[in-house]
Protein backbone atom coordinates (compact mmCIF):
# COMPACT_ATOMS: atom_id res chain seq x y z
CA UNK A 1 2.03 -3.71 1.49
CA UNK A 2 -1.24 -1.96 0.67
CA UNK A 3 -1.55 -1.53 -3.11
CA UNK A 4 -1.88 1.97 -4.50
CA UNK A 5 -4.08 0.71 -7.31
CA UNK A 6 -5.98 -2.48 -6.37
CA UNK A 7 -8.23 -2.28 -9.44
CA UNK A 8 -7.49 -0.50 -12.71
CA UNK A 9 -10.68 0.17 -14.64
CA UNK A 10 -9.91 1.10 -18.25
CA UNK A 11 -12.60 3.04 -20.05
CA UNK A 12 -10.84 2.32 -23.32
CA UNK A 13 -13.16 4.38 -25.54
CA UNK A 14 -16.26 6.55 -25.49
CA UNK A 15 -17.33 4.88 -28.72
CA UNK A 16 -20.16 2.38 -28.42
CA UNK A 17 -22.22 0.31 -30.83
CA UNK A 18 -25.41 1.46 -29.08
CA UNK A 19 -26.56 4.85 -27.76
CA UNK A 20 -28.55 4.49 -24.54
CA UNK A 21 -30.75 7.32 -23.32
CA UNK A 22 -29.28 7.18 -19.80
CA UNK A 23 -25.57 6.95 -20.63
CA UNK A 24 -23.48 8.63 -17.90
CA UNK A 25 -20.32 9.19 -19.98
CA UNK A 26 -22.28 10.12 -23.15
CA UNK A 27 -21.04 7.14 -25.16
CA UNK A 28 -22.31 6.30 -28.64
CA UNK A 29 -21.43 5.37 -32.23
CA UNK A 30 -20.26 8.88 -33.14
CA UNK A 31 -17.75 9.21 -30.30
CA UNK A 32 -14.17 8.84 -31.54
CA UNK A 33 -11.90 9.08 -28.49
CA UNK A 34 -9.76 5.99 -27.89
CA UNK A 35 -6.70 4.94 -25.98
CA UNK A 36 -3.96 3.52 -28.19
CA UNK A 37 -2.68 0.00 -27.70
CA UNK A 38 0.66 1.27 -26.42
CA UNK A 39 -1.08 3.63 -23.99
CA UNK A 40 -3.16 0.79 -22.61
CA UNK A 41 -0.13 -1.47 -22.18
CA UNK A 42 1.74 1.31 -20.44
CA UNK A 43 -1.13 1.99 -18.03
CA UNK A 44 -1.46 -1.72 -17.26
CA UNK A 45 2.27 -1.99 -16.57
CA UNK A 46 2.13 1.02 -14.24
CA UNK A 47 -0.85 -0.44 -12.40
CA UNK A 48 0.93 -3.78 -11.98
CA UNK A 49 3.90 -1.99 -10.41
CA UNK A 50 1.45 -0.32 -7.99
CA UNK A 51 0.04 -3.67 -6.84
CA UNK A 52 -3.02 -4.01 -9.08
CA UNK A 53 -4.89 -7.25 -8.62
CA UNK A 54 -7.22 -6.90 -11.57
CA UNK A 55 -7.88 -4.92 -14.74
CA UNK A 56 -11.38 -4.13 -15.97
CA UNK A 57 -12.07 -3.31 -19.61
CA UNK A 58 -15.07 -1.06 -20.00
CA UNK A 59 -16.35 1.83 -22.09
CA UNK A 60 -18.13 2.66 -24.32
CA UNK A 61 -18.01 -0.85 -25.70
CA UNK A 62 -14.63 -2.52 -25.06
CA UNK A 63 -15.25 -5.40 -27.47
CA UNK A 64 -14.73 -2.80 -30.25
CA UNK A 65 -11.04 -3.31 -29.41
CA UNK A 66 -11.31 -6.50 -31.51
CA UNK A 67 -7.87 -8.16 -31.80
CA UNK A 68 -6.31 -5.59 -29.48
CA UNK A 69 -8.41 -7.05 -26.65
CA UNK A 70 -6.76 -10.45 -27.21
CA UNK A 71 -3.36 -8.77 -27.33
CA UNK A 72 -3.97 -6.96 -24.05
CA UNK A 73 -5.32 -10.02 -22.27
CA UNK A 74 -2.26 -12.03 -23.29
CA UNK A 75 0.00 -9.18 -22.26
CA UNK A 76 -1.56 -9.12 -18.79
CA UNK A 77 -1.39 -12.88 -18.42
CA UNK A 78 2.13 -13.37 -19.72
CA UNK A 79 3.97 -10.18 -18.81
CA UNK A 80 2.47 -8.82 -15.59
CA UNK A 81 1.67 -9.97 -12.05
CA UNK A 82 -2.01 -8.99 -12.37
CA UNK A 83 -4.19 -11.93 -11.39
CA UNK A 84 -7.64 -11.18 -12.81
CA UNK A 85 -9.30 -9.50 -15.76
CA UNK A 86 -12.90 -8.47 -16.34
CA UNK A 87 -14.87 -7.09 -19.25
CA UNK A 88 -18.01 -4.96 -18.99
CA UNK A 89 -19.95 -5.25 -22.23
CA UNK A 90 -23.45 -4.77 -23.59
CA UNK A 91 -23.41 -8.27 -25.12
CA UNK A 92 -24.57 -7.23 -28.58
CA UNK A 93 -21.99 -9.61 -30.06
CA UNK A 94 -23.74 -12.66 -28.52
CA UNK A 95 -26.18 -13.12 -31.39
CA UNK A 96 -26.39 -16.86 -30.73
CA UNK A 97 -25.16 -19.25 -28.08
CA UNK A 98 -22.57 -20.62 -30.51
CA UNK A 99 -21.30 -17.15 -31.40
CA UNK A 100 -21.10 -16.20 -27.72
CA UNK A 101 -19.30 -19.42 -26.84
CA UNK A 102 -16.69 -18.91 -29.58
CA UNK A 103 -16.06 -15.30 -28.62
CA UNK A 104 -15.86 -16.00 -24.89
CA UNK A 105 -13.67 -19.06 -25.37
CA UNK A 106 -11.16 -17.00 -27.36
CA UNK A 107 -11.08 -14.30 -24.69
CA UNK A 108 -10.80 -16.92 -21.96
CA UNK A 109 -7.84 -18.60 -23.65
CA UNK A 110 -6.17 -15.20 -23.85
CA UNK A 111 -6.70 -14.62 -20.12
CA UNK A 112 -10.19 -13.20 -19.43
CA UNK A 113 -11.94 -14.71 -16.41
CA UNK A 114 -14.78 -12.33 -15.44
CA UNK A 115 -17.74 -11.23 -17.55
CA UNK A 116 -20.19 -8.43 -16.72
CA UNK A 117 -23.03 -7.86 -19.17
CA UNK A 118 -24.70 -4.47 -18.78
CA UNK A 119 -28.40 -4.68 -19.48
CA UNK A 120 -31.77 -3.31 -18.46
CA UNK A 121 -34.26 -0.67 -19.48
CA UNK A 122 -32.20 1.24 -22.04
CA UNK A 123 -29.69 -1.31 -23.34
CA UNK A 124 -32.40 -3.62 -24.61
CA UNK A 125 -33.68 -0.99 -27.03
CA UNK A 126 -30.60 -1.99 -29.05
CA UNK A 127 -29.70 -5.49 -27.81
CA UNK A 128 -32.20 -8.39 -27.64
CA UNK A 129 -32.55 -10.04 -24.24
CA UNK A 130 -31.71 -13.29 -26.01
CA UNK A 131 -28.19 -11.95 -26.66
CA UNK A 132 -27.76 -11.17 -22.96
CA UNK A 133 -28.88 -14.72 -22.16
CA UNK A 134 -26.51 -16.19 -24.75
CA UNK A 135 -23.56 -14.35 -23.20
CA UNK A 136 -24.52 -15.43 -19.68
CA UNK A 137 -25.08 -19.09 -20.53
CA UNK A 138 -21.91 -19.40 -22.60
CA UNK A 139 -19.83 -17.70 -19.93
CA UNK A 140 -21.19 -19.97 -17.24
CA UNK A 141 -20.68 -23.10 -19.34
CA UNK A 142 -17.08 -22.08 -20.02
CA UNK A 143 -16.45 -21.76 -16.29
CA UNK A 144 -15.84 -18.03 -16.10
CA UNK A 145 -15.12 -17.12 -12.49
CA UNK A 146 -17.72 -14.34 -12.55
CA UNK A 147 -20.65 -13.98 -14.91
CA UNK A 148 -22.82 -11.09 -13.80
CA UNK A 149 -25.77 -9.48 -15.51
CA UNK A 150 -25.61 -5.89 -14.30
CA UNK A 151 -29.11 -4.55 -14.94
CA UNK A 152 -30.64 -1.13 -14.39
CA UNK A 153 -34.38 -0.66 -14.20
CA UNK A 154 -37.03 2.00 -13.77
CA UNK A 155 -39.63 1.95 -11.00
CA UNK A 156 -42.20 -0.83 -11.16
CA UNK A 157 -44.67 -0.25 -13.96
CA UNK A 158 -42.65 2.62 -15.47
CA UNK A 159 -40.48 0.68 -17.92
CA UNK A 160 -40.60 -2.08 -20.51
CA UNK A 161 -38.18 -4.48 -18.82
CA UNK A 162 -38.08 -6.35 -15.52
CA UNK A 163 -35.61 -8.60 -13.76
CA UNK A 164 -37.93 -11.54 -14.30
CA UNK A 165 -37.58 -11.18 -18.08
CA UNK A 166 -33.85 -11.80 -17.81
CA UNK A 167 -34.33 -14.71 -15.44
CA UNK A 168 -36.86 -16.25 -17.84
CA UNK A 169 -34.47 -15.80 -20.78
CA UNK A 170 -31.65 -17.52 -18.90
CA UNK A 171 -33.98 -20.17 -17.53
CA UNK A 172 -33.15 -19.92 -13.84
CA UNK A 173 -33.68 -17.74 -10.78
CA UNK A 174 -30.51 -15.67 -10.73
CA UNK A 175 -29.33 -14.49 -7.31
CA UNK A 176 -28.13 -10.95 -6.69
CA UNK A 177 -24.47 -10.60 -5.64
CA UNK A 178 -25.33 -9.62 -2.05
CA UNK A 179 -26.99 -13.01 -1.50
CA UNK A 180 -24.09 -15.04 -2.86
CA UNK A 181 -21.76 -16.74 -0.44
CA UNK A 182 -18.38 -14.98 -0.14
CA UNK A 183 -16.74 -18.42 -0.15
CA UNK A 184 -17.79 -19.57 -3.62
CA UNK A 185 -15.05 -19.76 -6.25
CA UNK A 186 -17.48 -18.97 -9.07
CA UNK A 187 -20.30 -16.44 -8.97
CA UNK A 188 -23.04 -16.20 -11.56
CA UNK A 189 -26.05 -13.95 -11.04
CA UNK A 190 -28.08 -10.80 -11.67
CA UNK A 191 -27.40 -7.42 -10.09
CA UNK A 192 -30.43 -5.12 -10.13
CA UNK A 193 -29.82 -1.40 -9.84
CA UNK A 194 -31.63 1.83 -10.57
CA UNK A 195 -31.20 3.75 -13.80
CA UNK A 196 -29.50 7.07 -12.99
CA UNK A 197 -30.26 10.52 -14.34
CA UNK A 198 -26.73 11.74 -14.94
CA UNK A 199 -24.83 12.37 -18.15
CA UNK A 200 -27.25 11.95 -21.02
CA UNK A 201 -29.80 10.71 -18.51
CA UNK A 202 -29.97 14.12 -16.82
CA UNK A 203 -32.20 15.39 -19.62
CA UNK A 204 -33.64 12.12 -20.91
CA UNK A 205 -34.94 10.47 -17.71
CA UNK A 206 -38.00 11.53 -15.77
CA UNK A 207 -37.12 11.52 -12.04
CA UNK A 208 -40.64 10.30 -11.27
CA UNK A 209 -39.80 7.02 -13.03
CA UNK A 210 -36.65 6.25 -11.04
CA UNK A 211 -36.17 3.83 -8.15
CA UNK A 212 -35.35 5.74 -4.98
CA UNK A 213 -34.28 4.29 -1.65
CA UNK A 214 -35.00 5.40 1.86
CA UNK A 215 -32.17 7.56 3.16
CA UNK A 216 -31.22 5.10 5.90
CA UNK A 217 -30.89 2.33 3.30
CA UNK A 218 -28.12 4.18 1.46
CA UNK A 219 -24.52 3.54 2.45
CA UNK A 220 -22.41 6.47 3.55
CA UNK A 221 -18.88 5.03 3.27
CA UNK A 222 -17.70 4.31 -0.28
CA UNK A 223 -15.36 1.32 -0.60
CA UNK A 224 -14.61 2.12 -4.25
CA UNK A 225 -12.85 5.44 -3.72
CA UNK A 226 -9.08 4.96 -3.96
CA UNK A 227 -9.45 1.24 -4.71
CA UNK A 228 -11.12 1.19 -8.15
CA UNK A 229 -9.16 3.69 -10.23
CA UNK A 230 -10.57 4.57 -13.65
CA UNK A 231 -8.61 5.91 -16.61
CA UNK A 232 -10.39 7.48 -19.57
CA UNK A 233 -9.59 8.05 -23.24
CA UNK A 234 -9.61 11.84 -22.74
CA UNK A 235 -6.78 11.45 -20.20
CA UNK A 236 -8.87 11.87 -17.06
CA UNK A 237 -8.16 9.69 -14.06
CA UNK A 238 -10.91 9.28 -11.47
CA UNK A 239 -10.67 7.97 -7.93
CA UNK A 240 -13.47 5.41 -8.26
CA UNK A 241 -15.38 3.37 -10.82
CA UNK A 242 -17.80 6.33 -11.04
CA UNK A 243 -20.60 6.38 -13.54
CA UNK A 244 -20.64 10.11 -14.28
CA UNK A 245 -17.01 10.01 -15.31
CA UNK A 246 -16.81 12.46 -18.20
CA UNK A 247 -17.74 15.59 -16.27
CA UNK A 248 -15.30 17.49 -14.09
CA UNK A 249 -15.70 16.78 -10.39
CA UNK A 250 -13.79 16.34 -7.17
CA UNK A 251 -13.35 12.68 -8.12
CA UNK A 252 -10.98 13.64 -10.95
CA UNK A 253 -7.45 13.17 -9.62
CA UNK A 254 -5.23 13.87 -12.60
CA UNK A 255 -4.44 13.27 -16.24
CA UNK A 256 -2.60 10.06 -17.03
CA UNK A 257 -1.23 11.50 -20.27
CA UNK A 258 0.51 14.23 -18.28
CA UNK A 259 1.52 12.34 -15.11
CA UNK A 260 2.41 8.82 -14.08
CA UNK A 261 -0.14 6.79 -12.14
CA UNK A 262 2.14 6.65 -9.10
CA UNK A 263 2.32 10.43 -8.86
CA UNK A 264 -1.43 10.76 -9.37
CA UNK A 265 -2.34 8.11 -6.80
CA UNK A 266 0.16 9.10 -4.14
CA UNK A 267 -1.37 12.56 -4.21
CA UNK A 268 -4.92 11.18 -4.25
CA UNK A 269 -4.30 9.02 -1.19
CA UNK A 270 -3.40 12.20 0.71
CA UNK A 271 -6.49 14.08 -0.48
CA UNK A 272 -8.73 14.98 2.47
CA UNK A 273 -11.92 15.04 0.42
CA UNK A 274 -11.41 11.57 -1.02
CA UNK A 275 -10.46 10.17 2.36
CA UNK A 276 -13.54 11.83 3.84
CA UNK A 277 -15.75 9.97 1.35
CA UNK A 278 -14.02 6.67 2.02
CA UNK A 279 -13.51 6.76 5.77
CA UNK A 280 -16.15 9.14 7.20
CA UNK A 281 -18.81 9.06 4.50
CA UNK A 282 -20.87 11.18 2.14
CA UNK A 283 -23.77 11.55 4.55
CA UNK A 284 -21.45 13.21 7.04
CA UNK A 285 -20.07 15.37 4.25
CA UNK A 286 -23.55 16.49 3.18
CA UNK A 287 -24.56 17.37 6.75
CA UNK A 288 -21.33 19.32 7.30
CA UNK A 289 -21.77 21.23 4.05
CA UNK A 290 -25.23 22.35 5.12
CA UNK A 291 -23.76 23.83 8.31
CA UNK A 292 -21.44 25.91 6.13
CA UNK A 293 -24.07 26.97 3.62
CA UNK A 294 -27.72 26.16 4.45
CA UNK A 295 -28.74 27.40 1.01
CA UNK A 296 -27.15 24.36 -0.65
CA UNK A 297 -29.78 22.25 -2.36
CA UNK A 298 -29.80 18.47 -2.08
CA UNK A 299 -32.58 16.07 -2.94
CA UNK A 300 -34.66 14.62 -0.14
CA UNK A 301 -34.36 11.15 -1.72
CA UNK A 302 -31.54 9.34 -3.50
CA UNK A 303 -31.09 6.43 -5.88
CA UNK A 304 -27.97 5.07 -4.17
CA UNK A 305 -24.68 6.23 -2.67
CA UNK A 306 -23.43 7.29 -6.12
CA UNK A 307 -26.41 9.61 -6.50
CA UNK A 308 -25.75 11.20 -3.11
CA UNK A 309 -22.03 11.52 -3.83
CA UNK A 310 -22.68 13.04 -7.26
CA UNK A 311 -24.96 15.70 -5.79
CA UNK A 312 -21.96 16.81 -3.73
CA UNK A 313 -18.93 16.41 -5.98
CA UNK A 314 -20.59 17.99 -9.05
CA UNK A 315 -22.06 20.91 -7.10
CA UNK A 316 -19.91 23.98 -7.75
CA UNK A 317 -20.70 25.62 -4.42
CA UNK A 318 -20.05 22.39 -2.52
CA UNK A 319 -16.75 22.05 -4.38
CA UNK A 320 -15.70 25.53 -3.29
CA UNK A 321 -16.50 24.89 0.37
CA UNK A 322 -14.78 21.51 0.44
CA UNK A 323 -11.63 22.78 -1.25
CA UNK A 324 -11.43 25.79 1.09
CA UNK A 325 -12.52 24.31 4.40
CA UNK A 326 -12.12 20.51 4.41
CA UNK A 327 -9.00 20.98 6.57
CA UNK A 328 -11.40 21.63 9.46
CA UNK A 329 -12.28 17.93 9.46
CA UNK A 330 -8.71 16.67 8.99
CA UNK A 331 -8.44 15.28 12.51
CA UNK A 332 -11.60 13.17 12.26
CA UNK A 333 -10.77 11.99 8.75
CA UNK A 334 -7.23 10.91 9.62
CA UNK A 335 -8.34 9.25 12.85
CA UNK A 336 -11.00 7.24 11.03
CA UNK A 337 -8.56 6.27 8.30
CA UNK A 338 -5.94 5.05 10.77
CA UNK A 339 -8.51 3.18 12.86
CA UNK A 340 -10.24 1.49 9.94
CA UNK A 341 -7.06 0.51 8.14
CA UNK A 342 -5.56 -0.87 11.34
CA UNK A 343 -8.74 -2.75 12.23
CA UNK A 344 -9.66 -4.30 8.91
CA UNK A 345 -6.68 -4.36 6.58
CA UNK A 346 -5.34 -7.77 5.70
CA UNK A 347 -4.42 -9.58 2.48
CA UNK A 348 -8.09 -10.26 1.77
CA UNK A 349 -9.16 -6.67 2.35
CA UNK A 350 -10.07 -5.89 -1.22
CA UNK A 351 -12.99 -7.90 -2.53
CA UNK A 352 -12.65 -8.24 -6.28
CA UNK A 353 -15.55 -10.61 -6.78
CA UNK A 354 -19.08 -9.81 -7.88
CA UNK A 355 -19.97 -8.30 -4.52
CA UNK A 356 -17.39 -5.61 -5.11
CA UNK A 357 -18.62 -2.48 -6.78
CA UNK A 358 -18.95 -3.52 -10.37
CA UNK A 359 -18.58 -1.28 -13.35
CA UNK A 360 -21.95 -0.51 -14.80
CA UNK A 361 -21.91 0.39 -18.45
CA UNK A 362 -24.34 3.29 -18.72
């Protein structure tokens, strides 16, 4: 049976021990919103009942959970059917190899098996690259299934940090996830992405310094929508692992404090707009929107599929048109959904490894 919630991404708090200039969800030391321990357990239990394979702890900075993180990892391991857990952290706690090893060993014994360390141009203003390297090396030595440095950079020559600096600190040439074999049981590497000008970054980042792709290099179909469900401390539930998660958009599918996850997700899986993004694609959506209102403004270049999607789902006029008229494309959307699910769905359909869309801590 196809799971309603393959991945539950838990943005446990907006509080963070650093305050990056590009942060999508506006996280920082002065943010106070948290989920309670009981709320987190309840959400995990609901996700398990809906077929969740893994739980991702992110934020903000999820290591600020302290002992509650151990409690939650043990709860998942001992009291649910969920098979994998991941943390997305800035690595500030890895002040030495020994400190990183102790911390990661404790989390591993409690049930954690995947580590993503967010790093790059803006994180390293607050966290030494040596701490990122300590976390990576300790995680690899402990045999974590996934140890991924998820880095975001500016265009060449525009920033202080490069991918080579992280490779030098670790002492090896780290492969990006897309070059790793899908058959390996452990995956350790470096994912290089572009810093994005959303959230705090909308006013702090100069677009001229960003790394844009050619339009034909950007994917149109989003595999994250309806498979990586994110819950937030303000109650929002979003239909993907989205980076710009604190603002209202068409990706918001409900409030988990007011509804159960099953009710939210059953409705979301019937949503034409979300299915359009997943099964027909955002490029098609953009082109269709322009036929309805040629005055809509979109960039002529994009950072990635998330950038293109965001320019649609956060655009008030685009929202109006999609809500009012998306039924016009219902036939194509449903046909694509039926065809793709019938053609490709099997028990290995959902890729939870490092080549899956990983949560990037902004």
